[in-house]
């Protein structure tokens, strides 16, 4: 085949380009073809604009129909030359050796299970029905928590997949990084995609012992922010006074956003010994810091701020004994003065909220609950909550008492505001909000919490119980577990579709005690479908219960594998 002499071949372009490359290497070194950057930019510009609008100088004179092919030939040649001519850079110094992790290695079965769970996390979700197989991605958080409770370390070969899992799911990060330990942090420093580990809770795995004063001081002065937050929490847990002294030593030099995070760390071990520091923080230049300091002080019923709030609150809420029956009267504040604002009250209400009701709610929320029995003639929380409230102030007053009970972790007031679980939420005391009820439940002992939610489900079913189940201790204690199973069975018998209860089913897979699998066996069979139930519902329920049973058995196996002692030959060699 004859070649058109007007079209330059790739070889025809090489001498000219090669000469320029030689000059560039002699003058500046670096990447071969560096002097061709202008030529490359010219090719790119022509490709973007089109050869009918911009023709590279080297292709000038070619017929228009031949220009696109010639442009691609020139670009291909240029690309190969640039890649082939790259000079190797200087060798980088090798990283420091990974630190030792002296925790126990995982038993063999548990190692294999971790690999399975991490692989299942990345597997694509099947379209449509979930089938009867357990959801491995949802079991990974529970496996990590169990492994960390038993103080195992992650196998070195698993660290990349573990860090990838933590990067993809923020809810996994604390447990995944704890299992990864100091070697995980060492590895994270070598990959920008894992840089989150250096800012997260996992930084605490390389902390010095709280009793090592020199190590603590050095890390506090020089460490990353996440390391300093974790260090403050660790020292605070061991010695609250030492943690407070550490924070106070650099408080004035910290950034506002850092002061806020550090101040939040004082929640652990909060006591009257922190009051002086928190009172000073009320004058901080950051509004958020002031608000957090006021919240922490109001959680100390004996603090001076709590006393000031009590004095203001009792002037707004009282008892009218002249009425036919004792009635609570409310006179909301008429202003929010500078002293109130210094003590944490926000003067400007949210959109759609009245100023006076906004100020009243903040006052009552911050006042110690111990101020109300004397104000109401020695009545206890249940009697006070049962009193009628004049002028439609009941919802505002009870909501503020709910927030106070949660903030002050007062179980007696929480019980009074929750009322009987058999009472419909809309007519009960305290609040009809299930989110606020869940917060009140969190202040009760775990066993009492499970009994209350179990009785609520027995009275009202599962449709309104999802948020309440989320605050119950795992695995669910009886009678809560039995109440959930009974309610699911009732829904199945009624012919409802199981996806209406998919949220509760997902919780049951993670939270029911594994022993409940035996009780659920009878529900896995496909029932005969009556004419008045939804078509196909029986098959879906059978599949959902099969998945629930298989998940519970897998959780039981996971627990047994992590209890198995690690064999000597499985210990990782030193690296």
Protein backbone atom coordinates (compact mmCIF):
# COMPACT_ATOMS: atom_id res chain seq x y z
CA UNK A 1 0.00 0.00 0.00
CA UNK A 2 1.40 3.40 -0.93
CA UNK A 3 1.89 6.03 1.73
CA UNK A 4 0.65 9.57 1.18
CA UNK A 5 3.83 11.73 1.38
CA UNK A 6 1.85 14.65 2.81
CA UNK A 7 0.96 12.77 6.03
CA UNK A 8 3.82 12.62 8.57
CA UNK A 9 4.40 9.21 10.09
CA UNK A 10 5.18 8.88 13.81
CA UNK A 11 8.81 8.25 12.96
CA UNK A 12 8.93 11.47 10.99
CA UNK A 13 8.12 13.42 14.11
CA UNK A 14 10.76 11.73 16.26
CA UNK A 15 14.01 13.42 15.26
CA UNK A 16 12.72 16.93 15.85
CA UNK A 17 11.08 15.99 19.14
CA UNK A 18 14.01 13.87 20.25
CA UNK A 19 16.41 16.75 19.73
CA UNK A 20 14.38 19.00 21.94
CA UNK A 21 14.17 16.30 24.58
CA UNK A 22 17.94 15.98 24.59
CA UNK A 23 18.32 19.70 25.14
CA UNK A 24 15.82 19.61 28.00
CA UNK A 25 17.59 16.75 29.75
CA UNK A 26 20.88 18.56 29.53
CA UNK A 27 19.50 21.85 30.81
CA UNK A 28 16.97 20.95 33.50
CA UNK A 29 16.97 17.16 33.95
CA UNK A 30 13.81 15.61 35.31
CA UNK A 31 11.19 14.10 33.08
CA UNK A 32 12.25 13.33 29.55
CA UNK A 33 10.36 15.49 27.14
CA UNK A 34 10.00 18.30 29.64
CA UNK A 35 10.80 20.77 26.86
CA UNK A 36 7.83 19.36 24.96
CA UNK A 37 5.31 20.63 27.55
CA UNK A 38 4.38 23.45 25.23
CA UNK A 39 3.95 20.95 22.38
CA UNK A 40 1.82 18.72 24.52
CA UNK A 41 -0.36 21.66 25.58
CA UNK A 42 -0.72 22.56 21.92
CA UNK A 43 -1.92 19.05 21.09
CA UNK A 44 -4.39 19.08 24.00
CA UNK A 45 -5.76 22.48 23.01
CA UNK A 46 -6.25 21.32 19.42
CA UNK A 47 -8.01 18.15 20.59
CA UNK A 48 -10.37 20.15 22.82
CA UNK A 49 -11.20 22.84 20.26
CA UNK A 50 -11.16 20.56 17.21
CA UNK A 51 -8.70 20.46 14.36
CA UNK A 52 -11.03 22.58 12.26
CA UNK A 53 -10.48 25.49 14.68
CA UNK A 54 -6.93 24.98 15.94
CA UNK A 55 -4.15 23.13 14.06
CA UNK A 56 -0.84 22.37 15.84
CA UNK A 57 2.14 23.97 14.15
CA UNK A 58 3.76 20.61 13.51
CA UNK A 59 0.72 19.46 11.51
CA UNK A 60 0.25 22.63 9.51
CA UNK A 61 -0.18 22.03 5.82
CA UNK A 62 -1.93 18.67 6.09
CA UNK A 63 -5.33 18.26 4.44
CA UNK A 64 -8.18 18.84 6.87
CA UNK A 65 -9.50 15.29 6.53
CA UNK A 66 -6.14 13.86 7.68
CA UNK A 67 -5.65 16.12 10.68
CA UNK A 68 -7.60 14.11 13.35
CA UNK A 69 -5.62 10.90 12.71
CA UNK A 70 -2.31 12.75 12.59
CA UNK A 71 -3.17 14.52 15.85
CA UNK A 72 -3.81 11.19 17.60
CA UNK A 73 -0.57 9.73 16.20
CA UNK A 74 1.41 12.68 17.52
CA UNK A 75 -0.26 12.48 20.94
CA UNK A 76 0.41 8.73 21.20
CA UNK A 77 4.06 9.21 20.31
CA UNK A 78 4.43 12.05 22.80
CA UNK A 79 2.82 9.96 25.58
CA UNK A 80 5.08 6.95 25.02
CA UNK A 81 8.18 9.14 24.93
CA UNK A 82 7.25 10.88 28.21
CA UNK A 83 6.62 7.59 29.98
CA UNK A 84 9.72 5.85 28.66
CA UNK A 85 11.96 8.79 29.42
CA UNK A 86 11.02 9.25 33.11
CA UNK A 87 14.11 9.36 35.25
CA UNK A 88 14.00 7.50 38.57
CA UNK A 89 13.87 9.78 41.59
CA UNK A 90 16.06 9.49 44.66
CA UNK A 91 15.29 6.56 46.93
CA UNK A 92 13.00 7.49 49.81
CA UNK A 93 14.10 6.55 53.31
CA UNK A 94 12.36 3.39 54.53
CA UNK A 95 9.59 3.88 57.11
CA UNK A 96 10.25 3.16 60.73
CA UNK A 97 9.45 -0.41 61.78
CA UNK A 98 5.88 -1.04 62.90
CA UNK A 99 5.46 -0.92 66.69
CA UNK A 100 4.80 -4.10 68.64
CA UNK A 101 1.27 -5.01 69.66
CA UNK A 102 1.41 -7.22 72.73
CA UNK A 103 -2.26 -8.17 72.79
CA UNK A 104 -3.36 -11.75 72.15
CA UNK A 105 -3.63 -13.02 68.56
CA UNK A 106 -7.03 -14.13 67.35
CA UNK A 107 -7.92 -17.82 67.45
CA UNK A 108 -7.81 -19.48 64.04
CA UNK A 109 -11.58 -19.74 63.60
CA UNK A 110 -12.04 -16.11 64.60
CA UNK A 111 -9.40 -15.01 62.08
CA UNK A 112 -11.23 -16.81 59.31
CA UNK A 113 -14.52 -15.30 60.48
CA UNK A 114 -13.05 -11.78 60.35
CA UNK A 115 -11.89 -12.39 56.77
CA UNK A 116 -15.40 -13.58 55.90
CA UNK A 117 -17.07 -10.56 57.48
CA UNK A 118 -14.72 -8.10 55.78
CA UNK A 119 -15.27 -9.79 52.41
CA UNK A 120 -19.03 -9.76 52.98
CA UNK A 121 -18.88 -6.05 53.72
CA UNK A 122 -17.61 -5.34 50.22
CA UNK A 123 -19.91 -7.80 48.45
CA UNK A 124 -22.64 -6.14 46.33
CA UNK A 125 -26.14 -6.30 47.82
CA UNK A 126 -28.48 -8.58 45.87
CA UNK A 127 -31.39 -6.87 44.20
CA UNK A 128 -34.89 -7.55 45.48
CA UNK A 129 -35.43 -10.06 48.27
CA UNK A 130 -32.69 -10.45 50.86
CA UNK A 131 -33.03 -14.20 51.10
CA UNK A 132 -32.42 -16.30 54.20
CA UNK A 133 -28.66 -15.68 54.49
CA UNK A 134 -27.35 -13.43 57.30
CA UNK A 135 -26.22 -9.91 56.46
CA UNK A 136 -22.49 -10.12 57.18
CA UNK A 137 -21.96 -6.36 56.93
CA UNK A 138 -24.35 -5.82 59.85
CA UNK A 139 -22.60 -8.45 61.98
CA UNK A 140 -19.16 -6.86 61.62
CA UNK A 141 -19.72 -4.15 64.31
CA UNK A 142 -20.79 -6.79 66.84
CA UNK A 143 -17.82 -9.02 66.02
CA UNK A 144 -15.43 -6.10 66.49
CA UNK A 145 -16.97 -5.21 69.85
CA UNK A 146 -16.65 -8.80 71.08
CA UNK A 147 -13.04 -9.07 69.90
CA UNK A 148 -12.10 -5.82 71.63
CA UNK A 149 -13.81 -6.86 74.86
CA UNK A 150 -11.50 -9.90 74.89
CA UNK A 151 -8.46 -7.74 74.05
CA UNK A 152 -7.46 -9.47 70.82
CA UNK A 153 -5.33 -7.83 68.14
CA UNK A 154 -5.99 -7.83 64.41
CA UNK A 155 -3.81 -10.03 62.19
CA UNK A 156 -1.27 -7.93 60.29
CA UNK A 157 -2.54 -9.18 56.92
CA UNK A 158 -6.07 -8.00 57.76
CA UNK A 159 -5.12 -4.41 58.59
CA UNK A 160 -5.62 -2.94 55.05
CA UNK A 161 -9.12 -4.42 54.73
CA UNK A 162 -9.95 -3.34 58.28
CA UNK A 163 -8.86 0.24 57.57
CA UNK A 164 -10.83 0.26 54.32
CA UNK A 165 -13.93 -0.87 56.24
CA UNK A 166 -13.43 1.89 58.80
CA UNK A 167 -12.97 4.44 56.02
CA UNK A 168 -16.24 3.41 54.37
CA UNK A 169 -18.35 3.34 57.58
CA UNK A 170 -17.83 5.91 60.30
CA UNK A 171 -19.83 3.79 62.77
CA UNK A 172 -17.13 1.11 62.54
CA UNK A 173 -14.20 3.41 63.18
CA UNK A 174 -13.84 3.35 66.98
CA UNK A 175 -13.98 -0.45 67.24
CA UNK A 176 -12.07 -1.14 64.01
CA UNK A 177 -9.23 1.21 64.93
CA UNK A 178 -9.08 -0.20 68.45
CA UNK A 179 -8.66 -3.70 67.03
CA UNK A 180 -6.08 -2.44 64.50
CA UNK A 181 -4.08 -0.99 67.40
CA UNK A 182 -0.70 0.75 67.06
CA UNK A 183 0.16 -1.15 63.89
CA UNK A 184 -3.01 0.10 62.27
CA UNK A 185 -2.04 3.70 63.05
CA UNK A 186 1.47 3.07 61.76
CA UNK A 187 0.03 1.76 58.49
CA UNK A 188 -2.49 4.62 58.24
CA UNK A 189 0.34 7.15 58.17
CA UNK A 190 1.60 5.59 54.92
CA UNK A 191 -1.64 5.91 52.94
CA UNK A 192 -3.49 9.24 52.51
CA UNK A 193 -6.80 7.39 52.17
CA UNK A 194 -6.45 6.16 55.76
CA UNK A 195 -5.51 9.54 57.19
CA UNK A 196 -8.88 9.62 59.00
CA UNK A 197 -7.44 7.11 61.49
CA UNK A 198 -5.03 9.75 62.75
CA UNK A 199 -7.95 12.05 63.58
CA UNK A 200 -10.31 9.45 64.99
CA UNK A 201 -10.87 7.73 68.29
CA UNK A 202 -8.42 5.02 67.37
CA UNK A 203 -5.53 7.37 68.12
CA UNK A 204 -5.98 6.37 71.72
CA UNK A 205 -4.37 2.97 71.11
CA UNK A 206 -0.88 4.52 71.14
CA UNK A 207 -1.38 6.63 74.25
CA UNK A 208 1.08 6.63 77.11
CA UNK A 209 0.01 5.26 80.45
CA UNK A 210 -1.90 8.00 82.37
CA UNK A 211 0.59 7.56 85.19
CA UNK A 212 3.53 8.38 82.90
CA UNK A 213 3.66 12.12 83.56
CA UNK A 214 6.48 12.86 81.13
CA UNK A 215 4.88 10.85 78.32
CA UNK A 216 1.49 12.45 78.95
CA UNK A 217 2.98 15.94 78.96
CA UNK A 218 4.95 15.34 75.76
CA UNK A 219 1.94 14.02 73.86
CA UNK A 220 -0.30 16.80 75.17
CA UNK A 221 2.16 19.45 73.99
CA UNK A 222 3.14 17.87 70.66
CA UNK A 223 0.48 15.32 69.66
CA UNK A 224 -2.16 15.45 66.95
CA UNK A 225 -5.51 16.87 67.97
CA UNK A 226 -7.19 13.44 67.99
CA UNK A 227 -4.39 12.06 70.15
CA UNK A 228 -4.79 14.93 72.59
CA UNK A 229 -8.58 14.41 72.83
CA UNK A 230 -8.06 10.68 73.43
CA UNK A 231 -5.30 11.42 75.94
CA UNK A 232 -7.50 13.83 77.89
CA UNK A 233 -10.26 11.21 77.99
CA UNK A 234 -7.86 8.51 79.20
CA UNK A 235 -6.32 10.68 81.90
CA UNK A 236 -9.75 11.93 82.90
CA UNK A 237 -11.00 8.36 83.35
CA UNK A 238 -8.00 7.46 85.51
CA UNK A 239 -7.71 10.69 87.49
CA UNK A 240 -10.35 13.41 86.84
CA UNK A 241 -8.36 16.07 88.70
CA UNK A 242 -5.21 15.36 86.67
CA UNK A 243 -7.21 15.55 83.45
CA UNK A 244 -8.66 18.90 84.42
CA UNK A 245 -5.21 20.23 85.34
CA UNK A 246 -3.86 19.08 81.98
CA UNK A 247 -6.60 20.93 80.13
CA UNK A 248 -6.25 24.07 82.25
CA UNK A 249 -2.51 24.24 81.55
CA UNK A 250 -3.04 25.15 77.87
CA UNK A 251 -6.67 26.31 77.85
CA UNK A 252 -6.05 29.94 76.96
CA UNK A 253 -3.85 29.00 73.98
CA UNK A 254 -6.29 26.53 72.38
CA UNK A 255 -8.44 27.30 69.34
CA UNK A 256 -12.16 27.83 69.96
CA UNK A 257 -13.22 24.65 68.17
CA UNK A 258 -10.60 22.67 70.11
CA UNK A 259 -11.71 24.18 73.42
CA UNK A 260 -15.24 23.01 72.65
CA UNK A 261 -14.11 19.41 72.03
CA UNK A 262 -11.89 19.39 75.10
CA UNK A 263 -14.66 20.80 77.25
CA UNK A 264 -17.00 18.06 76.05
CA UNK A 265 -14.47 15.52 77.36
CA UNK A 266 -15.19 16.69 80.91
CA UNK A 267 -18.55 14.91 80.82
CA UNK A 268 -16.74 11.76 81.89
CA UNK A 269 -16.21 12.00 85.62
CA UNK A 270 -17.94 15.39 85.91
CA UNK A 271 -18.05 16.51 89.54
CA UNK A 272 -18.10 19.54 91.77
CA UNK A 273 -14.32 19.74 91.47
CA UNK A 274 -14.81 20.98 87.89
CA UNK A 275 -17.12 23.83 88.85
CA UNK A 276 -14.51 26.57 89.22
CA UNK A 277 -13.03 25.83 85.79
CA UNK A 278 -16.47 25.70 84.17
CA UNK A 279 -17.53 28.98 85.82
CA UNK A 280 -14.52 30.66 84.22
CA UNK A 281 -15.47 29.10 80.87
CA UNK A 282 -18.82 30.92 81.09
CA UNK A 283 -16.87 34.04 80.13
CA UNK A 284 -15.23 32.40 77.09
CA UNK A 285 -15.19 34.38 73.86
CA UNK A 286 -16.84 31.48 72.00
CA UNK A 287 -20.62 31.24 72.29
CA UNK A 288 -20.56 27.45 71.84
CA UNK A 289 -17.98 27.04 74.59
CA UNK A 290 -20.08 29.18 76.94
CA UNK A 291 -23.21 27.14 76.16
CA UNK A 292 -21.42 23.83 76.80
CA UNK A 293 -19.95 25.08 80.06
CA UNK A 294 -23.42 26.18 81.20
CA UNK A 295 -24.88 22.79 80.26
CA UNK A 296 -22.21 20.95 82.25
CA UNK A 297 -22.72 23.20 85.27
CA UNK A 298 -26.48 22.65 85.17
CA UNK A 299 -25.80 18.91 85.33
CA UNK A 300 -24.22 19.56 88.76
CA UNK A 301 -27.26 20.21 90.98
CA UNK A 302 -25.09 21.69 93.73
CA UNK A 303 -23.30 24.19 91.48
CA UNK A 304 -23.71 27.94 91.82
CA UNK A 305 -25.15 28.13 88.29
CA UNK A 306 -27.76 25.49 89.15
CA UNK A 307 -28.67 27.56 92.21
CA UNK A 308 -29.06 30.70 90.12
CA UNK A 309 -31.24 28.84 87.62
CA UNK A 310 -33.36 27.39 90.42
CA UNK A 311 -33.93 30.85 91.83
CA UNK A 312 -35.13 32.10 88.46
CA UNK A 313 -37.23 29.02 87.66
CA UNK A 314 -39.22 28.91 90.90
CA UNK A 315 -40.31 32.50 90.41
CA UNK A 316 -41.82 31.45 87.06
CA UNK A 317 -43.52 28.19 88.12
CA UNK A 318 -45.63 27.80 91.24
CA UNK A 319 -48.73 26.22 92.79
CA UNK A 320 -52.13 27.87 92.88
CA UNK A 321 -53.87 26.57 96.00
CA UNK A 322 -56.92 28.84 95.56
CA UNK A 323 -58.21 26.85 92.60
CA UNK A 324 -60.73 24.05 93.05
CA UNK A 325 -57.84 21.58 92.89
CA UNK A 326 -54.10 22.38 93.20
CA UNK A 327 -52.91 23.67 89.83
CA UNK A 328 -49.48 24.63 88.52
CA UNK A 329 -49.30 28.22 87.31
CA UNK A 330 -46.68 29.58 84.94
CA UNK A 331 -45.45 33.13 84.41
CA UNK A 332 -42.77 33.01 81.74
CA UNK A 333 -39.83 35.48 81.87
CA UNK A 334 -40.42 38.88 80.29
CA UNK A 335 -36.77 39.40 79.34
CA UNK A 336 -33.48 37.55 78.94
CA UNK A 337 -30.97 39.83 80.66
CA UNK A 338 -27.18 39.76 80.43
CA UNK A 339 -26.82 37.60 83.56
CA UNK A 340 -29.16 34.99 82.13
CA UNK A 341 -27.27 34.98 78.86
CA UNK A 342 -23.96 34.55 80.67
CA UNK A 343 -25.44 31.51 82.38
CA UNK A 344 -26.11 29.90 79.03
CA UNK A 345 -29.57 31.08 77.96
CA UNK A 346 -29.89 31.84 74.25
CA UNK A 347 -31.81 35.09 73.85
CA UNK A 348 -33.01 34.55 70.27
CA UNK A 349 -35.53 31.73 69.82
CA UNK A 350 -35.68 29.46 66.76
CA UNK A 351 -38.04 30.40 63.97
CA UNK A 352 -41.67 29.92 64.91
CA UNK A 353 -41.00 29.82 68.64
CA UNK A 354 -42.15 32.52 71.07
CA UNK A 355 -39.50 34.32 73.10
CA UNK A 356 -41.05 33.85 76.53
CA UNK A 357 -41.74 30.14 76.13
CA UNK A 358 -38.20 29.70 74.77
CA UNK A 359 -36.68 31.39 77.81
CA UNK A 360 -38.92 29.46 80.21
CA UNK A 361 -37.95 26.11 78.69
CA UNK A 362 -34.24 26.87 79.03
CA UNK A 363 -34.64 27.99 82.66
CA UNK A 364 -36.59 24.92 83.76
CA UNK A 365 -34.26 22.60 81.85
CA UNK A 366 -31.21 24.04 83.61
CA UNK A 367 -32.72 24.18 87.11
CA UNK A 368 -31.96 21.26 89.45
CA UNK A 369 -34.96 18.95 89.75
CA UNK A 370 -34.47 18.94 93.51
CA UNK A 371 -35.90 22.49 93.66
CA UNK A 372 -39.42 21.39 92.71
CA UNK A 373 -40.61 19.19 95.63
CA UNK A 374 -40.22 22.08 98.13
CA UNK A 375 -41.92 24.41 95.67
CA UNK A 376 -44.92 22.05 95.42
CA UNK A 377 -45.47 21.34 99.08
CA UNK A 378 -43.23 18.30 99.42
CA UNK A 379 -44.80 16.35 96.57
CA UNK A 380 -42.67 13.79 94.77
CA UNK A 381 -41.99 13.67 91.01
CA UNK A 382 -45.03 11.50 90.14
CA UNK A 383 -47.40 13.75 92.09
CA UNK A 384 -45.93 16.90 90.55
CA UNK A 385 -46.17 15.54 87.02
CA UNK A 386 -49.80 14.54 87.63
CA UNK A 387 -50.83 18.09 88.63
CA UNK A 388 -52.82 20.07 86.03
CA UNK A 389 -51.05 23.05 84.48
CA UNK A 390 -52.95 26.26 83.77
CA UNK A 391 -53.09 28.22 80.52
CA UNK A 392 -51.81 25.48 78.17
CA UNK A 393 -48.29 25.53 79.59
CA UNK A 394 -48.24 21.78 80.33
CA UNK A 395 -46.51 20.63 77.14
CA UNK A 396 -43.76 23.26 77.47
CA UNK A 397 -43.21 22.60 81.18
CA UNK A 398 -43.18 18.81 80.90
CA UNK A 399 -40.83 18.89 77.89
CA UNK A 400 -38.39 21.03 79.89
CA UNK A 401 -38.61 18.61 82.84
CA UNK A 402 -37.87 15.75 80.43
CA UNK A 403 -34.70 17.47 79.22
CA UNK A 404 -33.69 18.19 82.80
CA UNK A 405 -34.20 14.55 83.82
CA UNK A 406 -32.00 13.38 80.93
CA UNK A 407 -29.31 15.98 81.61
CA UNK A 408 -29.22 15.24 85.34
CA UNK A 409 -29.65 11.46 84.85
CA UNK A 410 -32.51 11.46 87.35
CA UNK A 411 -34.24 8.07 87.19
CA UNK A 412 -37.08 9.04 89.59
CA UNK A 413 -38.17 11.96 87.41
CA UNK A 414 -37.74 9.85 84.26
CA UNK A 415 -40.12 7.22 85.65
CA UNK A 416 -42.67 9.89 86.51
CA UNK A 417 -42.46 11.48 83.06
CA UNK A 418 -42.62 8.15 81.25
CA UNK A 419 -45.68 6.97 83.16
CA UNK A 420 -47.15 3.52 82.63
CA UNK A 421 -46.05 1.74 79.42
CA UNK A 422 -49.67 0.71 78.87
CA UNK A 423 -50.80 4.36 78.63
CA UNK A 424 -51.06 5.61 75.02
CA UNK A 425 -48.20 8.04 74.28
CA UNK A 426 -50.60 10.80 73.24
CA UNK A 427 -52.38 10.84 76.62
CA UNK A 428 -49.49 9.96 78.94
CA UNK A 429 -47.50 12.31 81.16
CA UNK A 430 -44.26 13.93 80.19
CA UNK A 431 -44.09 13.78 76.42
CA UNK A 432 -45.66 11.95 73.49
CA UNK A 433 -42.38 12.16 71.52
CA UNK A 434 -40.87 8.69 71.18
CA UNK A 435 -37.41 10.23 70.76
CA UNK A 436 -37.73 12.03 74.12
CA UNK A 437 -39.13 8.86 75.71
CA UNK A 438 -36.10 6.96 74.46
CA UNK A 439 -33.84 9.53 76.14
CA UNK A 440 -35.77 9.20 79.40
CA UNK A 441 -35.45 5.42 79.22
CA UNK A 442 -31.68 5.73 78.88
CA UNK A 443 -31.49 7.02 82.47
CA UNK A 444 -33.10 3.85 83.89
CA UNK A 445 -31.20 0.68 84.85
CA UNK A 446 -30.94 -1.75 81.89
CA UNK A 447 -33.25 -4.40 83.36
CA UNK A 448 -35.96 -1.86 84.16
CA UNK A 449 -35.57 -0.35 80.69
CA UNK A 450 -36.12 -3.77 79.07
CA UNK A 451 -39.21 -4.44 81.20
CA UNK A 452 -40.75 -1.06 80.33
CA UNK A 453 -40.19 -1.44 76.58
CA UNK A 454 -41.41 -5.04 76.65
CA UNK A 455 -44.65 -3.93 78.33
CA UNK A 456 -44.97 -1.06 75.83
CA UNK A 457 -44.71 -3.48 72.89
CA UNK A 458 -47.22 -5.84 74.49
CA UNK A 459 -49.68 -2.94 74.81
CA UNK A 460 -49.07 -1.01 71.57
CA UNK A 461 -47.26 -3.35 69.19
CA UNK A 462 -44.02 -2.79 67.28
CA UNK A 463 -44.98 0.09 65.00
CA UNK A 464 -44.10 2.75 67.59
CA UNK A 465 -41.35 0.89 69.46
CA UNK A 466 -38.39 1.14 67.06
CA UNK A 467 -36.71 4.12 68.75
CA UNK A 468 -37.36 2.65 72.19
CA UNK A 469 -35.70 -0.64 71.24
CA UNK A 470 -32.59 1.24 70.19
CA UNK A 471 -31.76 2.28 73.77
CA UNK A 472 -32.12 -1.19 75.28
CA UNK A 473 -29.05 -3.15 76.33
CA UNK A 474 -27.87 -5.85 73.91
CA UNK A 475 -28.62 -8.73 73.93
CA UNK A 476 -32.22 -7.97 74.82
CA UNK A 477 -33.14 -9.30 78.24
CA UNK A 478 -36.43 -10.98 78.99
CA UNK A 479 -39.24 -10.17 78.84
CA UNK A 480 -38.24 -7.79 76.03
CA UNK A 481 -36.98 -10.48 73.64
CA UNK A 482 -40.14 -12.52 74.10
CA UNK A 483 -42.35 -9.47 73.58
CA UNK A 484 -40.63 -8.70 70.25
CA UNK A 485 -41.00 -12.30 69.04
CA UNK A 486 -44.66 -12.43 70.08
CA UNK A 487 -45.38 -9.13 68.28
CA UNK A 488 -43.67 -10.38 65.11
CA UNK A 489 -45.70 -13.59 65.30
CA UNK A 490 -48.92 -11.58 65.66
CA UNK A 491 -47.99 -9.50 62.59
CA UNK A 492 -47.28 -12.70 60.64
CA UNK A 493 -50.61 -14.21 61.64
CA UNK A 494 -52.37 -11.01 60.58
CA UNK A 495 -50.93 -11.37 57.08
CA UNK A 496 -48.96 -8.11 57.09
CA UNK A 497 -45.98 -7.89 54.75
CA UNK A 498 -42.70 -8.36 56.69
CA UNK A 499 -41.02 -5.35 55.05
CA UNK A 500 -43.34 -3.19 57.14
CA UNK A 501 -41.28 -4.49 60.07
CA UNK A 502 -37.90 -4.59 58.33
CA UNK A 503 -36.38 -2.11 60.80
CA UNK A 504 -37.42 -4.18 63.81
CA UNK A 505 -36.33 -7.38 62.05
CA UNK A 506 -32.89 -5.86 61.46
CA UNK A 507 -32.64 -4.89 65.12
CA UNK A 508 -33.78 -8.37 66.18
CA UNK A 509 -31.02 -9.96 64.09
CA UNK A 510 -28.43 -7.90 65.96
CA UNK A 511 -30.00 -7.64 69.41
CA UNK A 512 -31.99 -10.77 70.27
CA UNK A 513 -30.14 -13.22 72.50
CA UNK A 514 -28.77 -16.06 70.33
CA UNK A 515 -30.67 -18.53 72.52
CA UNK A 516 -33.92 -17.17 71.04
CA UNK A 517 -33.23 -19.15 67.84
CA UNK A 518 -34.87 -22.20 69.39
CA UNK A 519 -38.05 -20.23 70.12
CA UNK A 520 -38.14 -18.96 66.52
CA UNK A 521 -37.75 -22.36 64.85
CA UNK A 522 -41.50 -22.92 64.63
CA UNK A 523 -41.97 -19.61 62.79
CA UNK A 524 -39.65 -20.49 59.89
CA UNK A 525 -42.19 -22.83 58.24
CA UNK A 526 -44.25 -21.37 55.46
CA UNK A 527 -47.83 -20.96 56.72
CA UNK A 528 -50.93 -21.72 54.74
CA UNK A 529 -52.20 -18.47 53.30
CA UNK A 530 -55.82 -17.59 54.01
CA UNK A 531 -57.91 -15.66 51.54
CA UNK A 532 -58.00 -12.49 53.63
CA UNK A 533 -54.23 -11.98 53.91
CA UNK A 534 -51.82 -10.31 51.50
CA UNK A 535 -50.76 -12.65 48.65
CA UNK A 536 -47.26 -14.08 49.14
CA UNK A 537 -46.85 -12.66 52.65
CA UNK A 538 -46.43 -16.12 54.18
CA UNK A 539 -43.41 -16.89 52.01
CA UNK A 540 -41.77 -13.60 52.84
CA UNK A 541 -42.33 -14.13 56.57
CA UNK A 542 -40.88 -17.65 56.38
CA UNK A 543 -37.78 -16.31 54.63
CA UNK A 544 -37.42 -13.44 57.13
CA UNK A 545 -37.62 -15.80 60.11
CA UNK A 546 -35.14 -18.21 58.49
CA UNK A 547 -32.72 -15.32 58.09
CA UNK A 548 -33.29 -14.28 61.70
CA UNK A 549 -32.60 -17.82 62.98
CA UNK A 550 -29.48 -18.26 60.83
CA UNK A 551 -28.18 -14.85 61.98
CA UNK A 552 -28.68 -15.71 65.65
CA UNK A 553 -26.84 -19.01 65.17
CA UNK A 554 -24.00 -17.24 63.39
CA UNK A 555 -23.74 -14.76 66.26
CA UNK A 556 -23.58 -17.67 68.70
CA UNK A 557 -20.78 -19.23 66.63
CA UNK A 558 -18.91 -15.91 66.53
CA UNK A 559 -19.05 -15.64 70.29
CA UNK A 560 -17.78 -19.22 70.71
CA UNK A 561 -14.92 -18.64 68.26
CA UNK A 562 -13.76 -15.57 70.16
CA UNK A 563 -13.87 -17.50 73.41
CA UNK A 564 -11.65 -20.27 72.02
CA UNK A 565 -8.05 -19.93 73.32
CA UNK A 566 -5.48 -18.95 70.70
CA UNK A 567 -3.12 -21.79 69.79
CA UNK A 568 0.62 -21.18 69.98
CA UNK A 569 1.24 -21.91 66.31
CA UNK A 570 -1.17 -19.15 65.31
CA UNK A 571 0.87 -16.45 67.02
CA UNK A 572 2.17 -13.98 64.44
CA UNK A 573 5.93 -13.85 63.99
CA UNK A 574 7.71 -10.65 64.98
CA UNK A 575 8.01 -8.21 62.11
